[in-house]
N, C-alpha and C. Protein backbone atom coordinates (compact mmCIF):
# COMPACT_ATOMS: atom_id res chain seq x y z
N MET A 1 -105.41 186.53 97.10
CA MET A 1 -104.12 186.38 97.77
C MET A 1 -104.23 185.23 98.77
N PRO A 2 -103.28 184.27 98.75
CA PRO A 2 -103.35 183.15 99.67
C PRO A 2 -103.12 183.58 101.11
N ASN A 3 -103.76 182.86 102.05
CA ASN A 3 -103.55 183.20 103.46
C ASN A 3 -102.23 182.62 103.96
N GLN A 4 -101.81 183.01 105.17
CA GLN A 4 -100.51 182.60 105.71
C GLN A 4 -100.39 181.09 105.85
N ASP A 5 -101.48 180.39 106.20
CA ASP A 5 -101.43 178.93 106.34
C ASP A 5 -101.11 178.26 105.01
N SER A 6 -101.71 178.74 103.93
CA SER A 6 -101.44 178.13 102.63
C SER A 6 -100.02 178.45 102.16
N ILE A 7 -99.53 179.65 102.47
CA ILE A 7 -98.15 180.00 102.13
C ILE A 7 -97.19 179.09 102.90
N ASN A 8 -97.43 178.92 104.20
CA ASN A 8 -96.58 178.04 105.01
C ASN A 8 -96.58 176.62 104.48
N ALA A 9 -97.74 176.11 104.09
CA ALA A 9 -97.83 174.74 103.57
C ALA A 9 -97.04 174.58 102.27
N ILE A 10 -97.12 175.57 101.41
CA ILE A 10 -96.38 175.53 100.14
C ILE A 10 -94.88 175.52 100.39
N VAL A 11 -94.42 176.44 101.21
CA VAL A 11 -92.99 176.54 101.45
C VAL A 11 -92.48 175.32 102.22
N ASP A 12 -93.26 174.85 103.21
CA ASP A 12 -92.86 173.64 103.95
C ASP A 12 -92.71 172.46 103.01
N SER A 13 -93.63 172.28 102.08
CA SER A 13 -93.53 171.16 101.15
C SER A 13 -92.34 171.33 100.21
N LEU A 14 -92.03 172.56 99.84
CA LEU A 14 -90.87 172.81 99.00
C LEU A 14 -89.58 172.44 99.73
N PHE A 15 -89.44 172.90 100.97
CA PHE A 15 -88.20 172.66 101.70
C PHE A 15 -88.04 171.20 102.11
N THR A 16 -89.12 170.45 102.28
CA THR A 16 -88.97 169.05 102.65
C THR A 16 -88.51 168.21 101.47
N THR A 17 -88.59 168.74 100.26
CA THR A 17 -88.13 167.99 99.09
C THR A 17 -86.67 168.27 98.77
N LEU A 18 -86.08 169.30 99.40
CA LEU A 18 -84.69 169.63 99.15
C LEU A 18 -83.79 168.91 100.15
N PRO A 19 -82.58 168.51 99.75
CA PRO A 19 -81.67 167.91 100.72
C PRO A 19 -81.28 168.91 101.80
N PRO A 20 -81.08 168.46 103.05
CA PRO A 20 -80.79 169.38 104.15
C PRO A 20 -79.59 170.29 103.90
N ASP A 21 -78.55 169.82 103.19
CA ASP A 21 -77.38 170.68 102.99
C ASP A 21 -77.69 171.83 102.03
N THR A 22 -78.76 171.71 101.24
CA THR A 22 -79.17 172.82 100.37
C THR A 22 -79.77 173.94 101.21
N ILE A 23 -80.56 173.56 102.20
CA ILE A 23 -81.25 174.54 103.02
C ILE A 23 -80.33 175.14 104.07
N TYR A 24 -79.56 174.31 104.73
CA TYR A 24 -78.79 174.77 105.87
C TYR A 24 -77.30 174.91 105.61
N GLY A 25 -76.82 174.55 104.44
CA GLY A 25 -75.39 174.66 104.16
C GLY A 25 -74.58 173.81 105.11
N ASP A 26 -73.62 174.42 105.78
CA ASP A 26 -72.76 173.70 106.71
C ASP A 26 -73.30 173.65 108.12
N TYR A 27 -74.50 174.15 108.34
CA TYR A 27 -75.05 174.20 109.69
C TYR A 27 -75.49 172.83 110.16
N ASP A 28 -75.32 172.59 111.45
CA ASP A 28 -75.83 171.38 112.10
C ASP A 28 -77.34 171.55 112.21
N THR A 29 -78.11 170.57 111.74
CA THR A 29 -79.56 170.72 111.73
C THR A 29 -80.22 170.19 113.01
N LEU A 30 -79.45 169.81 114.00
CA LEU A 30 -80.03 169.36 115.25
C LEU A 30 -80.46 170.56 116.08
N GLU A 31 -81.66 170.48 116.65
CA GLU A 31 -82.14 171.57 117.48
C GLU A 31 -81.41 171.55 118.81
N ILE A 32 -80.99 172.74 119.30
CA ILE A 32 -80.33 172.79 120.59
C ILE A 32 -81.29 173.19 121.70
N ASP A 33 -82.37 173.86 121.37
CA ASP A 33 -83.37 174.23 122.37
C ASP A 33 -84.69 174.47 121.64
N SER A 34 -85.54 173.47 121.63
CA SER A 34 -86.79 173.58 120.88
C SER A 34 -87.80 174.52 121.54
N ASN A 35 -87.48 175.01 122.75
CA ASN A 35 -88.39 175.94 123.43
C ASN A 35 -88.21 177.38 122.96
N ILE A 36 -87.11 177.67 122.29
CA ILE A 36 -86.87 179.03 121.81
C ILE A 36 -87.56 179.20 120.45
N THR A 37 -88.40 180.22 120.37
CA THR A 37 -89.09 180.54 119.12
C THR A 37 -88.88 182.02 118.82
N PHE A 38 -89.35 182.46 117.67
CA PHE A 38 -89.27 183.88 117.35
C PHE A 38 -90.42 184.28 116.46
N THR A 39 -90.65 185.58 116.41
CA THR A 39 -91.67 186.15 115.52
C THR A 39 -91.00 187.14 114.59
N LEU A 40 -91.63 187.39 113.46
CA LEU A 40 -91.16 188.36 112.48
C LEU A 40 -92.24 189.41 112.29
N SER A 41 -91.84 190.69 112.37
CA SER A 41 -92.81 191.76 112.22
C SER A 41 -92.16 192.96 111.55
N PRO A 42 -92.77 193.57 110.57
CA PRO A 42 -94.01 193.15 109.93
C PRO A 42 -93.75 191.98 108.98
N ASN A 43 -94.78 191.25 108.71
CA ASN A 43 -94.70 190.13 107.77
C ASN A 43 -96.01 190.08 107.01
N PRO A 44 -96.05 190.51 105.75
CA PRO A 44 -94.95 190.76 104.83
C PRO A 44 -94.16 192.01 105.22
N ALA A 45 -92.87 191.97 104.85
CA ALA A 45 -91.95 193.07 105.12
C ALA A 45 -91.61 193.78 103.82
N ASN A 46 -91.03 194.97 103.96
CA ASN A 46 -90.60 195.74 102.81
C ASN A 46 -89.09 195.95 102.88
N SER A 47 -88.64 196.89 103.70
CA SER A 47 -87.21 197.21 103.76
C SER A 47 -86.50 196.64 104.98
N SER A 48 -87.25 196.26 106.01
CA SER A 48 -86.65 195.65 107.18
C SER A 48 -87.70 194.85 107.95
N VAL A 49 -87.21 193.96 108.78
CA VAL A 49 -88.09 193.14 109.60
C VAL A 49 -87.48 193.03 110.99
N THR A 50 -88.33 193.04 112.02
CA THR A 50 -87.86 192.88 113.39
C THR A 50 -88.09 191.44 113.80
N LEU A 51 -87.02 190.80 114.26
CA LEU A 51 -87.07 189.43 114.74
C LEU A 51 -87.07 189.51 116.27
N THR A 52 -88.14 189.01 116.90
CA THR A 52 -88.27 189.03 118.35
C THR A 52 -88.21 187.59 118.85
N ILE A 53 -87.24 187.34 119.72
CA ILE A 53 -86.97 185.99 120.22
C ILE A 53 -87.68 185.78 121.56
N SER A 54 -88.17 184.57 121.79
CA SER A 54 -88.91 184.26 123.01
C SER A 54 -88.03 184.26 124.26
N ASP A 55 -86.72 184.22 124.09
CA ASP A 55 -85.78 184.22 125.20
C ASP A 55 -84.57 185.06 124.80
N THR A 56 -83.84 185.60 125.74
CA THR A 56 -82.65 186.39 125.42
C THR A 56 -81.55 185.46 124.91
N LEU A 57 -80.93 185.86 123.80
CA LEU A 57 -79.82 185.10 123.22
C LEU A 57 -78.63 186.02 123.00
N ASP A 58 -77.45 185.43 123.00
CA ASP A 58 -76.26 186.14 122.59
C ASP A 58 -75.48 185.26 121.62
N ASN A 59 -74.61 185.88 120.85
CA ASN A 59 -73.76 185.15 119.91
C ASN A 59 -74.57 184.19 119.02
N PHE A 60 -75.52 184.74 118.27
CA PHE A 60 -76.38 183.92 117.42
C PHE A 60 -76.38 184.46 116.00
N ASP A 61 -76.88 183.65 115.07
CA ASP A 61 -76.95 184.03 113.66
C ASP A 61 -78.37 183.91 113.15
N VAL A 62 -78.66 184.73 112.15
CA VAL A 62 -79.93 184.66 111.43
C VAL A 62 -79.57 184.47 109.96
N ALA A 63 -80.07 183.39 109.37
CA ALA A 63 -79.83 183.11 107.95
C ALA A 63 -81.16 183.22 107.21
N ILE A 64 -81.11 183.80 106.01
CA ILE A 64 -82.31 183.94 105.17
C ILE A 64 -82.06 183.18 103.87
N PHE A 65 -82.97 182.25 103.57
CA PHE A 65 -82.90 181.44 102.35
C PHE A 65 -84.07 181.81 101.44
N ASN A 66 -83.84 181.76 100.13
CA ASN A 66 -84.95 182.00 99.22
C ASN A 66 -85.77 180.72 99.07
N SER A 67 -86.80 180.75 98.24
CA SER A 67 -87.70 179.60 98.10
C SER A 67 -87.04 178.41 97.42
N TYR A 68 -85.84 178.60 96.86
CA TYR A 68 -85.09 177.50 96.27
C TYR A 68 -84.08 176.90 97.24
N GLY A 69 -84.00 177.45 98.46
CA GLY A 69 -83.05 176.97 99.44
C GLY A 69 -81.68 177.60 99.33
N VAL A 70 -81.56 178.66 98.53
CA VAL A 70 -80.28 179.34 98.36
C VAL A 70 -80.12 180.38 99.47
N LEU A 71 -78.96 180.35 100.13
CA LEU A 71 -78.67 181.31 101.19
C LEU A 71 -78.57 182.72 100.61
N MET A 72 -79.41 183.63 101.09
CA MET A 72 -79.42 185.00 100.58
C MET A 72 -78.63 185.95 101.48
N SER A 73 -78.68 185.71 102.80
CA SER A 73 -77.94 186.57 103.72
C SER A 73 -77.79 185.90 105.07
N THR A 74 -76.77 186.33 105.78
CA THR A 74 -76.59 185.92 107.17
C THR A 74 -76.23 187.15 107.98
N SER A 75 -76.67 187.17 109.20
CA SER A 75 -76.34 188.25 110.13
C SER A 75 -75.93 187.62 111.44
N HIS A 76 -74.84 188.13 112.01
CA HIS A 76 -74.36 187.63 113.29
C HIS A 76 -74.62 188.69 114.36
N PHE A 77 -75.14 188.25 115.50
CA PHE A 77 -75.44 189.15 116.61
C PHE A 77 -74.72 188.63 117.85
N GLN A 78 -73.78 189.42 118.34
CA GLN A 78 -72.95 188.99 119.46
C GLN A 78 -73.54 189.41 120.80
N GLU A 79 -74.13 190.58 120.85
CA GLU A 79 -74.68 191.11 122.10
C GLU A 79 -75.92 190.32 122.54
N SER A 80 -76.12 190.23 123.84
CA SER A 80 -77.29 189.57 124.40
C SER A 80 -78.53 190.43 124.11
N THR A 81 -79.51 189.85 123.44
CA THR A 81 -80.70 190.60 123.05
C THR A 81 -81.90 189.67 122.87
N GLN A 82 -83.05 190.27 122.79
CA GLN A 82 -84.28 189.53 122.53
C GLN A 82 -84.95 190.01 121.25
N SER A 83 -84.39 191.09 120.66
CA SER A 83 -84.99 191.65 119.45
C SER A 83 -83.90 192.26 118.57
N VAL A 84 -83.96 191.95 117.26
CA VAL A 84 -83.00 192.52 116.31
C VAL A 84 -83.74 192.98 115.06
N ASN A 85 -83.18 193.98 114.40
CA ASN A 85 -83.73 194.48 113.16
C ASN A 85 -82.88 193.96 112.01
N ILE A 86 -83.51 193.40 110.99
CA ILE A 86 -82.80 192.83 109.85
C ILE A 86 -83.18 193.61 108.60
N ASN A 87 -82.17 194.09 107.89
CA ASN A 87 -82.38 194.84 106.66
C ASN A 87 -82.75 193.86 105.54
N THR A 88 -83.86 194.13 104.87
CA THR A 88 -84.32 193.28 103.77
C THR A 88 -84.35 194.03 102.44
N GLU A 89 -83.65 195.17 102.37
CA GLU A 89 -83.62 195.99 101.16
C GLU A 89 -83.17 195.19 99.93
N ALA A 90 -82.19 194.30 100.10
CA ALA A 90 -81.61 193.58 98.97
C ALA A 90 -82.49 192.43 98.48
N LEU A 91 -83.53 192.09 99.22
CA LEU A 91 -84.39 190.96 98.83
C LEU A 91 -85.50 191.44 97.90
N ILE A 92 -85.79 190.66 96.88
CA ILE A 92 -86.88 190.99 95.96
C ILE A 92 -88.18 190.39 96.48
N ASN A 93 -89.30 190.77 95.90
CA ASN A 93 -90.59 190.20 96.30
C ASN A 93 -90.54 188.69 96.25
N GLY A 94 -91.05 188.05 97.30
CA GLY A 94 -91.08 186.59 97.32
C GLY A 94 -91.21 186.04 98.72
N ILE A 95 -91.08 184.74 98.80
CA ILE A 95 -91.17 184.00 100.06
C ILE A 95 -89.77 183.57 100.47
N TYR A 96 -89.44 183.79 101.73
CA TYR A 96 -88.12 183.45 102.26
C TYR A 96 -88.27 182.63 103.54
N TYR A 97 -87.22 181.92 103.86
CA TYR A 97 -87.17 181.06 105.03
C TYR A 97 -86.12 181.66 105.97
N VAL A 98 -86.53 182.12 107.14
CA VAL A 98 -85.63 182.74 108.11
C VAL A 98 -85.28 181.70 109.17
N VAL A 99 -83.98 181.45 109.36
CA VAL A 99 -83.51 180.41 110.28
C VAL A 99 -82.68 181.06 111.38
N LEU A 100 -83.00 180.73 112.62
CA LEU A 100 -82.27 181.20 113.79
C LEU A 100 -81.30 180.11 114.22
N LEU A 101 -80.02 180.48 114.38
CA LEU A 101 -78.97 179.52 114.72
C LEU A 101 -78.17 180.01 115.92
N LYS A 102 -77.76 179.08 116.77
CA LYS A 102 -76.90 179.41 117.91
C LYS A 102 -75.77 178.39 117.92
N ASP A 103 -74.55 178.87 117.94
CA ASP A 103 -73.37 178.00 117.91
C ASP A 103 -73.41 177.05 116.72
N GLY A 104 -73.92 177.54 115.58
CA GLY A 104 -73.97 176.75 114.37
C GLY A 104 -75.06 175.69 114.34
N ALA A 105 -75.93 175.65 115.36
CA ALA A 105 -77.00 174.66 115.41
C ALA A 105 -78.35 175.33 115.21
N TYR A 106 -79.25 174.63 114.54
CA TYR A 106 -80.59 175.11 114.24
C TYR A 106 -81.40 175.25 115.53
N ILE A 107 -82.06 176.41 115.68
CA ILE A 107 -82.95 176.63 116.82
C ILE A 107 -84.40 176.65 116.36
N SER A 108 -84.70 177.50 115.38
CA SER A 108 -86.09 177.67 114.94
C SER A 108 -86.10 178.35 113.58
N SER A 109 -87.25 178.30 112.90
CA SER A 109 -87.36 178.95 111.60
C SER A 109 -88.78 179.44 111.37
N LYS A 110 -88.89 180.42 110.49
CA LYS A 110 -90.18 181.02 110.12
C LYS A 110 -90.18 181.39 108.65
N ILE A 111 -91.37 181.57 108.12
CA ILE A 111 -91.57 182.03 106.75
C ILE A 111 -91.67 183.55 106.76
N LEU A 112 -90.96 184.19 105.83
CA LEU A 112 -91.02 185.64 105.68
C LEU A 112 -91.43 185.97 104.26
N SER A 113 -92.40 186.85 104.12
CA SER A 113 -92.82 187.34 102.81
C SER A 113 -92.24 188.73 102.61
N ILE A 114 -91.69 188.97 101.42
CA ILE A 114 -91.23 190.31 101.06
C ILE A 114 -92.18 190.84 100.01
N LEU A 115 -92.72 192.00 100.27
CA LEU A 115 -93.67 192.63 99.35
C LEU A 115 -93.32 194.11 99.26
N LYS A 116 -92.71 194.49 98.15
CA LYS A 116 -92.32 195.88 97.93
C LYS A 116 -93.30 196.52 96.96
N GLU A 117 -93.67 197.74 97.25
CA GLU A 117 -94.65 198.43 96.42
C GLU A 117 -94.02 199.08 95.24
């Protein structure tokens, strides 16, 4: 089984070959605050994943793209929070790209693995 660094390298190389509108759709790809990061736990996930943000945010979106850059789901969170739970039941086994957005602008992204038994 490949380690997380090799998975990240594979997915990063895949996404750098796709045009930005494939990955982000209508979203503005300019970062609005490069100091905000997040973690995903557990990763690999099965039925849900907790996204923990380094700073409290309100009125933000989480978009999940598959390895082809196709948007699989979006979730909007209006309340001020630092942690949200995202349902991943509808996702099949694979590698996904989780993107955090605020006011339609890119903040940060991470790789998520889905592994169902």
